[in-house]
């Protein structure tokens, strides 16, 4: 019984070691790091209309592999973003950011906390005035 347990333990540990080695080998890639030089360029047509359009920089480059037909990596993402925005000029030159989305919530919390502090100060002041008005021999039932 002991030998059988030892056999299965060794087999399981070897299997686990092989599995870890296989997983680590799967993480190694021959591809280098991707260059995500995203951005947009405003382009003007050369015809008489001189229309201006915005085009993602990644879509202007040809595909890396001549045998493979398709878009360069990242082009589809930039193009989809371009289709989702309201003002296309925001891609070329962004707008100034407004107040933070959490600012109204933070202001409300601050007012709540400061309001509580002011209420506690006012209550303490009123209690002190009541004690002074009644005298030192007063009980809490007199307040």
N, C-alpha and C. Protein backbone atom coordinates (compact mmCIF):
# COMPACT_ATOMS: atom_id res chain seq x y z
N UNK A 1 0.83 -1.19 0.00
CA UNK A 1 0.00 0.00 0.00
C UNK A 1 0.87 1.25 0.00
N UNK A 2 1.92 1.20 0.79
CA UNK A 2 2.82 2.35 0.90
C UNK A 2 3.55 2.59 -0.42
N UNK A 3 3.94 1.51 -1.10
CA UNK A 3 4.64 1.65 -2.37
C UNK A 3 3.72 2.24 -3.43
N UNK A 4 2.46 1.85 -3.41
CA UNK A 4 1.49 2.38 -4.37
C UNK A 4 1.29 3.88 -4.15
N UNK A 5 1.19 4.27 -2.88
CA UNK A 5 1.04 5.69 -2.56
C UNK A 5 2.27 6.48 -3.01
N UNK A 6 3.45 5.95 -2.79
CA UNK A 6 4.69 6.61 -3.21
C UNK A 6 4.74 6.73 -4.73
N UNK A 7 4.32 5.68 -5.42
CA UNK A 7 4.31 5.70 -6.89
C UNK A 7 3.39 6.81 -7.40
N UNK A 8 2.17 6.89 -6.86
CA UNK A 8 1.22 7.91 -7.31
C UNK A 8 1.69 9.32 -6.93
N UNK A 9 2.33 9.46 -5.82
CA UNK A 9 2.85 10.77 -5.40
C UNK A 9 3.93 11.24 -6.36
N UNK A 10 4.85 10.34 -6.69
CA UNK A 10 5.93 10.70 -7.63
C UNK A 10 5.36 11.00 -9.02
N UNK A 11 4.40 10.19 -9.45
CA UNK A 11 3.80 10.41 -10.76
C UNK A 11 3.07 11.75 -10.81
N UNK A 12 2.35 12.07 -9.76
CA UNK A 12 1.62 13.34 -9.71
C UNK A 12 2.58 14.53 -9.69
N UNK A 13 3.68 14.41 -8.95
CA UNK A 13 4.64 15.52 -8.91
C UNK A 13 5.33 15.69 -10.26
N UNK A 14 5.66 14.59 -10.92
CA UNK A 14 6.27 14.69 -12.26
C UNK A 14 5.29 15.30 -13.26
N UNK A 15 4.04 14.86 -13.17
CA UNK A 15 3.02 15.40 -14.06
C UNK A 15 2.82 16.90 -13.82
N UNK A 16 2.81 17.30 -12.56
CA UNK A 16 2.68 18.72 -12.22
C UNK A 16 3.86 19.52 -12.73
N UNK A 17 5.06 18.98 -12.60
CA UNK A 17 6.26 19.66 -13.09
C UNK A 17 6.22 19.81 -14.61
N UNK A 18 5.79 18.76 -15.30
CA UNK A 18 5.66 18.84 -16.77
C UNK A 18 4.61 19.88 -17.16
N UNK A 19 3.52 19.93 -16.42
CA UNK A 19 2.46 20.89 -16.72
C UNK A 19 2.95 22.33 -16.53
N UNK A 20 3.69 22.58 -15.47
CA UNK A 20 4.25 23.92 -15.23
C UNK A 20 5.22 24.29 -16.35
N UNK A 21 6.09 23.35 -16.75
CA UNK A 21 7.03 23.63 -17.83
C UNK A 21 6.30 23.91 -19.14
N UNK A 22 5.24 23.17 -19.40
CA UNK A 22 4.45 23.39 -20.62
C UNK A 22 3.78 24.76 -20.60
N UNK A 23 3.24 25.14 -19.46
CA UNK A 23 2.60 26.46 -19.35
C UNK A 23 3.60 27.59 -19.54
N UNK A 24 4.78 27.44 -18.95
CA UNK A 24 5.80 28.48 -19.10
C UNK A 24 6.31 28.55 -20.54
N UNK A 25 6.40 27.43 -21.21
CA UNK A 25 6.83 27.43 -22.60
C UNK A 25 5.80 28.12 -23.48
N UNK A 26 4.53 28.03 -23.12
CA UNK A 26 3.48 28.70 -23.89
C UNK A 26 3.52 30.20 -23.76
N UNK A 27 4.14 30.71 -22.70
CA UNK A 27 4.22 32.17 -22.50
C UNK A 27 5.29 32.80 -23.38
N UNK A 28 6.26 32.01 -23.83
CA UNK A 28 7.32 32.56 -24.66
C UNK A 28 6.81 32.74 -26.08
N UNK A 29 7.10 33.90 -26.65
CA UNK A 29 6.61 34.20 -27.99
C UNK A 29 7.75 34.69 -28.86
N UNK A 30 7.68 34.37 -30.13
CA UNK A 30 8.71 34.86 -31.05
C UNK A 30 8.43 36.29 -31.47
N UNK A 31 7.20 36.75 -31.20
CA UNK A 31 6.86 38.12 -31.56
C UNK A 31 7.43 39.08 -30.52
N UNK A 32 7.94 40.19 -30.98
CA UNK A 32 8.46 41.20 -30.08
C UNK A 32 7.32 42.05 -29.54
N UNK A 33 7.65 43.03 -28.74
CA UNK A 33 6.60 43.91 -28.22
C UNK A 33 5.97 44.72 -29.35
N UNK A 34 4.68 44.92 -29.25
CA UNK A 34 3.96 45.68 -30.27
C UNK A 34 4.18 47.17 -30.06
N UNK A 35 4.29 47.90 -31.13
CA UNK A 35 4.41 49.35 -31.07
C UNK A 35 3.03 49.93 -31.31
N UNK A 36 2.46 50.54 -30.30
CA UNK A 36 1.13 51.12 -30.42
C UNK A 36 1.26 52.63 -30.54
N UNK A 37 1.81 53.06 -31.63
CA UNK A 37 1.95 54.49 -31.89
C UNK A 37 0.62 54.97 -32.46
N UNK A 38 -0.34 55.16 -31.59
CA UNK A 38 -1.66 55.56 -32.05
C UNK A 38 -1.70 57.06 -32.25
N UNK A 39 -2.73 57.49 -32.87
CA UNK A 39 -2.93 58.91 -33.12
C UNK A 39 -3.67 59.09 -34.43
N UNK A 40 -4.00 60.31 -34.69
CA UNK A 40 -4.78 60.63 -35.89
C UNK A 40 -4.13 61.80 -36.60
N UNK A 41 -4.30 61.83 -37.91
CA UNK A 41 -3.76 62.92 -38.72
C UNK A 41 -4.87 63.51 -39.54
N UNK A 42 -4.86 64.82 -39.63
CA UNK A 42 -5.84 65.49 -40.48
C UNK A 42 -5.23 65.57 -41.88
N UNK A 43 -5.98 65.06 -42.85
CA UNK A 43 -5.48 65.02 -44.22
C UNK A 43 -6.41 65.83 -45.10
N UNK A 44 -5.84 66.50 -46.07
CA UNK A 44 -6.62 67.30 -47.02
C UNK A 44 -6.48 66.65 -48.38
N UNK A 45 -7.60 66.53 -49.08
CA UNK A 45 -7.56 65.94 -50.42
C UNK A 45 -6.93 66.92 -51.40
N UNK A 46 -6.39 66.37 -52.47
CA UNK A 46 -5.71 67.21 -53.45
C UNK A 46 -6.62 67.69 -54.57
N UNK A 47 -7.86 67.26 -54.57
CA UNK A 47 -8.76 67.70 -55.64
C UNK A 47 -9.21 69.15 -55.40
N UNK A 48 -10.07 69.63 -56.23
CA UNK A 48 -10.51 71.03 -56.17
C UNK A 48 -11.30 71.33 -54.91
N UNK A 49 -11.95 70.34 -54.32
CA UNK A 49 -12.79 70.58 -53.14
C UNK A 49 -11.96 70.83 -51.88
N UNK A 50 -10.74 70.31 -51.84
CA UNK A 50 -9.85 70.43 -50.68
C UNK A 50 -10.56 70.06 -49.39
N UNK A 51 -11.25 68.92 -49.43
CA UNK A 51 -11.94 68.45 -48.24
C UNK A 51 -10.92 67.90 -47.25
N UNK A 52 -11.24 68.06 -46.00
CA UNK A 52 -10.35 67.61 -44.94
C UNK A 52 -10.97 66.40 -44.27
N UNK A 53 -10.16 65.40 -43.98
CA UNK A 53 -10.63 64.20 -43.29
C UNK A 53 -9.60 63.79 -42.25
N UNK A 54 -10.03 63.03 -41.29
CA UNK A 54 -9.14 62.55 -40.24
C UNK A 54 -8.96 61.06 -40.43
N UNK A 55 -7.69 60.62 -40.35
CA UNK A 55 -7.39 59.21 -40.58
C UNK A 55 -6.43 58.71 -39.50
N UNK A 56 -6.67 57.52 -38.95
CA UNK A 56 -5.74 56.97 -37.95
C UNK A 56 -4.37 56.73 -38.57
N UNK A 57 -3.32 57.03 -37.82
CA UNK A 57 -1.95 56.84 -38.32
C UNK A 57 -1.66 55.37 -38.59
N UNK A 58 -2.18 54.49 -37.76
CA UNK A 58 -1.90 53.07 -37.95
C UNK A 58 -2.52 52.53 -39.23
N UNK A 59 -3.59 53.15 -39.71
CA UNK A 59 -4.23 52.67 -40.94
C UNK A 59 -3.50 53.17 -42.18
N UNK A 60 -2.61 54.10 -42.04
CA UNK A 60 -1.88 54.62 -43.19
C UNK A 60 -0.72 53.72 -43.57
N UNK A 61 -0.22 52.95 -42.61
CA UNK A 61 0.89 52.05 -42.89
C UNK A 61 0.35 50.77 -43.51
N UNK A 62 1.16 50.14 -44.36
CA UNK A 62 0.76 48.87 -44.96
C UNK A 62 0.90 47.75 -43.96
N UNK A 63 0.32 46.60 -44.24
CA UNK A 63 0.45 45.47 -43.32
C UNK A 63 1.90 45.01 -43.23
N UNK A 64 2.26 44.42 -42.09
CA UNK A 64 3.64 43.97 -41.86
C UNK A 64 4.01 42.81 -42.77
N UNK A 65 3.10 41.91 -42.96
CA UNK A 65 3.37 40.70 -43.72
C UNK A 65 2.72 40.82 -45.09
N UNK A 66 3.52 40.72 -46.15
CA UNK A 66 3.00 40.90 -47.51
C UNK A 66 2.05 39.76 -47.90
N UNK A 67 2.22 38.58 -47.32
CA UNK A 67 1.37 37.45 -47.67
C UNK A 67 -0.01 37.56 -47.02
N UNK A 68 -0.09 38.31 -45.97
CA UNK A 68 -1.34 38.39 -45.21
C UNK A 68 -2.10 39.65 -45.62
N UNK A 69 -3.35 39.47 -45.97
CA UNK A 69 -4.18 40.62 -46.30
C UNK A 69 -4.92 41.05 -45.04
N UNK A 70 -5.02 42.33 -44.83
CA UNK A 70 -5.73 42.82 -43.66
C UNK A 70 -5.17 44.16 -43.21
N UNK A 71 -5.66 44.60 -42.10
CA UNK A 71 -5.25 45.89 -41.55
C UNK A 71 -4.06 45.71 -40.62
N UNK A 72 -3.24 46.74 -40.50
CA UNK A 72 -2.14 46.66 -39.52
C UNK A 72 -2.70 46.57 -38.10
N UNK A 73 -1.95 46.01 -37.18
CA UNK A 73 -2.43 45.88 -35.80
C UNK A 73 -2.76 47.25 -35.20
N UNK A 74 -3.92 47.36 -34.60
CA UNK A 74 -4.33 48.60 -33.96
C UNK A 74 -5.16 49.51 -34.85
N UNK A 75 -5.14 49.30 -36.14
CA UNK A 75 -5.88 50.16 -37.07
C UNK A 75 -7.38 50.06 -36.83
N UNK A 76 -7.88 48.86 -36.65
CA UNK A 76 -9.32 48.68 -36.45
C UNK A 76 -9.77 49.34 -35.15
N UNK A 77 -8.95 49.25 -34.10
CA UNK A 77 -9.31 49.89 -32.83
C UNK A 77 -9.42 51.40 -33.00
N UNK A 78 -8.41 51.99 -33.65
CA UNK A 78 -8.43 53.44 -33.85
C UNK A 78 -9.59 53.86 -34.74
N UNK A 79 -9.88 53.06 -35.76
CA UNK A 79 -10.98 53.40 -36.66
C UNK A 79 -12.32 53.32 -35.93
N UNK A 80 -12.49 52.29 -35.08
CA UNK A 80 -13.73 52.18 -34.30
C UNK A 80 -13.89 53.35 -33.35
N UNK A 81 -12.80 53.77 -32.71
CA UNK A 81 -12.87 54.94 -31.83
C UNK A 81 -13.28 56.18 -32.63
N UNK A 82 -12.74 56.31 -33.82
CA UNK A 82 -13.07 57.45 -34.67
C UNK A 82 -14.56 57.47 -35.00
N UNK A 83 -15.16 56.31 -35.18
CA UNK A 83 -16.58 56.25 -35.50
C UNK A 83 -17.47 56.54 -34.29
N UNK A 84 -16.95 56.37 -33.08
CA UNK A 84 -17.77 56.52 -31.88
C UNK A 84 -17.81 57.94 -31.32
N UNK A 85 -16.89 58.79 -31.71
CA UNK A 85 -16.84 60.11 -31.09
C UNK A 85 -17.82 61.06 -31.75
N UNK A 86 -18.16 62.13 -31.04
CA UNK A 86 -19.12 63.12 -31.55
C UNK A 86 -18.41 64.14 -32.42
N UNK A 87 -17.31 64.68 -31.92
CA UNK A 87 -16.56 65.70 -32.65
C UNK A 87 -15.25 65.10 -33.17
N UNK A 88 -15.11 64.88 -34.48
CA UNK A 88 -13.88 64.29 -35.01
C UNK A 88 -12.63 65.12 -34.72
N UNK A 89 -12.77 66.43 -34.56
CA UNK A 89 -11.60 67.27 -34.28
C UNK A 89 -10.99 66.95 -32.92
N UNK A 90 -11.75 66.32 -32.03
CA UNK A 90 -11.21 65.95 -30.72
C UNK A 90 -10.07 64.95 -30.84
N UNK A 91 -10.03 64.20 -31.94
CA UNK A 91 -8.95 63.24 -32.14
C UNK A 91 -7.64 63.93 -32.48
N UNK A 92 -7.73 65.07 -33.16
CA UNK A 92 -6.52 65.80 -33.55
C UNK A 92 -6.06 66.70 -32.41
N UNK A 93 -6.99 67.44 -31.85
CA UNK A 93 -6.68 68.34 -30.74
C UNK A 93 -7.80 68.22 -29.73
N UNK A 94 -7.46 67.76 -28.55
CA UNK A 94 -8.47 67.53 -27.52
C UNK A 94 -8.97 68.83 -26.90
N UNK A 95 -10.05 68.72 -26.18
CA UNK A 95 -10.62 69.87 -25.47
C UNK A 95 -10.11 69.90 -24.04
N UNK A 96 -10.27 71.06 -23.42
CA UNK A 96 -9.92 71.18 -22.01
C UNK A 96 -10.91 70.35 -21.19
N UNK A 97 -10.40 69.68 -20.19
CA UNK A 97 -11.26 68.84 -19.37
C UNK A 97 -12.08 69.70 -18.42
N UNK A 98 -13.28 69.30 -18.19
CA UNK A 98 -14.15 70.00 -17.24
C UNK A 98 -13.86 69.52 -15.83
N UNK A 99 -14.75 69.86 -14.91
CA UNK A 99 -14.54 69.39 -13.54
C UNK A 99 -14.65 67.87 -13.46
N UNK A 100 -14.01 67.32 -12.48
CA UNK A 100 -14.03 65.87 -12.31
C UNK A 100 -15.44 65.39 -12.04
N UNK A 101 -15.74 64.18 -12.49
CA UNK A 101 -17.08 63.63 -12.31
C UNK A 101 -17.41 63.44 -10.82
N UNK A 102 -16.40 63.21 -10.02
CA UNK A 102 -16.63 63.00 -8.60
C UNK A 102 -16.68 64.27 -7.79
N UNK A 103 -16.44 65.42 -8.43
CA UNK A 103 -16.41 66.69 -7.68
C UNK A 103 -17.74 66.99 -7.00
N UNK A 104 -18.90 66.85 -7.65
CA UNK A 104 -20.15 67.12 -6.94
C UNK A 104 -20.38 66.19 -5.74
N UNK A 105 -19.99 64.94 -5.88
CA UNK A 105 -20.16 63.99 -4.78
C UNK A 105 -19.23 64.37 -3.62
N UNK A 106 -17.98 64.73 -3.96
CA UNK A 106 -17.03 65.13 -2.93
C UNK A 106 -17.49 66.40 -2.23
N UNK A 107 -18.03 67.34 -2.99
CA UNK A 107 -18.53 68.58 -2.39
C UNK A 107 -19.70 68.29 -1.45
N UNK A 108 -20.59 67.39 -1.86
CA UNK A 108 -21.74 67.05 -1.02
C UNK A 108 -21.28 66.36 0.27
N UNK A 109 -20.32 65.45 0.16
CA UNK A 109 -19.80 64.76 1.35
C UNK A 109 -19.11 65.75 2.28
N UNK A 110 -18.35 66.67 1.71
CA UNK A 110 -17.66 67.68 2.51
C UNK A 110 -18.67 68.56 3.23
N UNK A 111 -19.71 68.97 2.54
CA UNK A 111 -20.75 69.80 3.16
C UNK A 111 -21.45 69.03 4.27
N UNK A 112 -21.70 67.75 4.04
CA UNK A 112 -22.35 66.92 5.06
C UNK A 112 -21.48 66.82 6.31
N UNK A 113 -20.19 66.54 6.10
CA UNK A 113 -19.29 66.40 7.25
C UNK A 113 -19.10 67.73 7.97
N UNK A 114 -18.92 68.81 7.21
CA UNK A 114 -18.75 70.12 7.84
C UNK A 114 -20.04 70.55 8.51
N UNK A 115 -21.18 70.24 7.92
CA UNK A 115 -22.47 70.58 8.52
C UNK A 115 -22.66 69.86 9.84
N UNK A 116 -22.24 68.61 9.91
CA UNK A 116 -22.34 67.84 11.15
C UNK A 116 -21.43 68.46 12.21
N UNK A 117 -20.24 68.86 11.80
CA UNK A 117 -19.31 69.48 12.74
C UNK A 117 -19.88 70.79 13.28
N UNK A 118 -20.45 71.58 12.39
CA UNK A 118 -21.06 72.85 12.83
C UNK A 118 -22.23 72.59 13.77
N UNK A 119 -23.03 71.56 13.48
CA UNK A 119 -24.17 71.23 14.34
C UNK A 119 -23.68 70.79 15.72
N UNK A 120 -22.60 70.00 15.76
CA UNK A 120 -22.05 69.57 17.05
C UNK A 120 -21.50 70.76 17.84
N UNK A 121 -20.84 71.69 17.16
CA UNK A 121 -20.33 72.89 17.83
C UNK A 121 -21.49 73.72 18.38
N UNK A 122 -22.53 73.86 17.61
CA UNK A 122 -23.69 74.64 18.05
C UNK A 122 -24.36 73.98 19.25
N UNK A 123 -24.50 72.64 19.21
CA UNK A 123 -25.09 71.92 20.32
C UNK A 123 -24.26 72.09 21.59
N UNK A 124 -22.93 71.98 21.46
CA UNK A 124 -22.05 72.16 22.62
C UNK A 124 -22.18 73.56 23.19
N UNK A 125 -22.26 74.56 22.31
CA UNK A 125 -22.40 75.94 22.76
C UNK A 125 -23.73 76.14 23.49
N UNK A 126 -24.80 75.59 22.95
CA UNK A 126 -26.11 75.72 23.61
C UNK A 126 -26.13 75.01 24.97
N UNK A 127 -25.50 73.83 25.05
CA UNK A 127 -25.43 73.13 26.32
C UNK A 127 -24.65 73.93 27.35
N UNK A 128 -23.55 74.52 26.90
CA UNK A 128 -22.72 75.34 27.80
C UNK A 128 -23.51 76.55 28.29
N UNK A 129 -24.23 77.20 27.38
CA UNK A 129 -25.04 78.35 27.77
C UNK A 129 -26.13 77.95 28.75
N UNK A 130 -26.73 76.77 28.53
CA UNK A 130 -27.78 76.29 29.44
C UNK A 130 -27.21 76.00 30.82
N UNK A 131 -26.03 75.39 30.87
CA UNK A 131 -25.39 75.11 32.16
C UNK A 131 -25.08 76.41 32.90
N UNK A 132 -24.57 77.38 32.16
CA UNK A 132 -24.23 78.67 32.78
C UNK A 132 -25.48 79.38 33.28
N UNK A 133 -26.57 79.25 32.56
CA UNK A 133 -27.81 79.93 32.95
C UNK A 133 -28.42 79.29 34.19
N UNK A 134 -28.35 77.97 34.30
CA UNK A 134 -28.98 77.26 35.41
C UNK A 134 -28.08 77.30 36.64
N UNK A 135 -26.80 77.18 36.44
CA UNK A 135 -25.86 77.16 37.57
C UNK A 135 -25.22 75.79 37.69
N UNK A 136 -24.38 75.67 38.69
CA UNK A 136 -23.62 74.43 38.85
C UNK A 136 -24.40 73.34 39.57
N UNK A 137 -25.48 73.67 40.24
CA UNK A 137 -26.25 72.68 41.00
C UNK A 137 -27.35 72.03 40.17
N UNK A 138 -27.42 72.31 38.91
CA UNK A 138 -28.50 71.78 38.08
C UNK A 138 -28.22 70.33 37.70
N UNK A 139 -29.28 69.58 37.48
CA UNK A 139 -29.16 68.20 37.01
C UNK A 139 -29.51 68.17 35.52
N UNK A 140 -29.32 67.03 34.94
CA UNK A 140 -29.61 66.92 33.51
C UNK A 140 -31.09 67.04 33.24
N UNK A 141 -31.93 66.74 34.23
CA UNK A 141 -33.37 66.88 34.00
C UNK A 141 -33.76 68.36 33.92
N UNK A 142 -32.90 69.23 34.45
CA UNK A 142 -33.18 70.67 34.37
C UNK A 142 -32.88 71.23 32.98
N UNK A 143 -32.05 70.52 32.22
CA UNK A 143 -31.72 71.00 30.88
C UNK A 143 -32.91 70.78 30.02
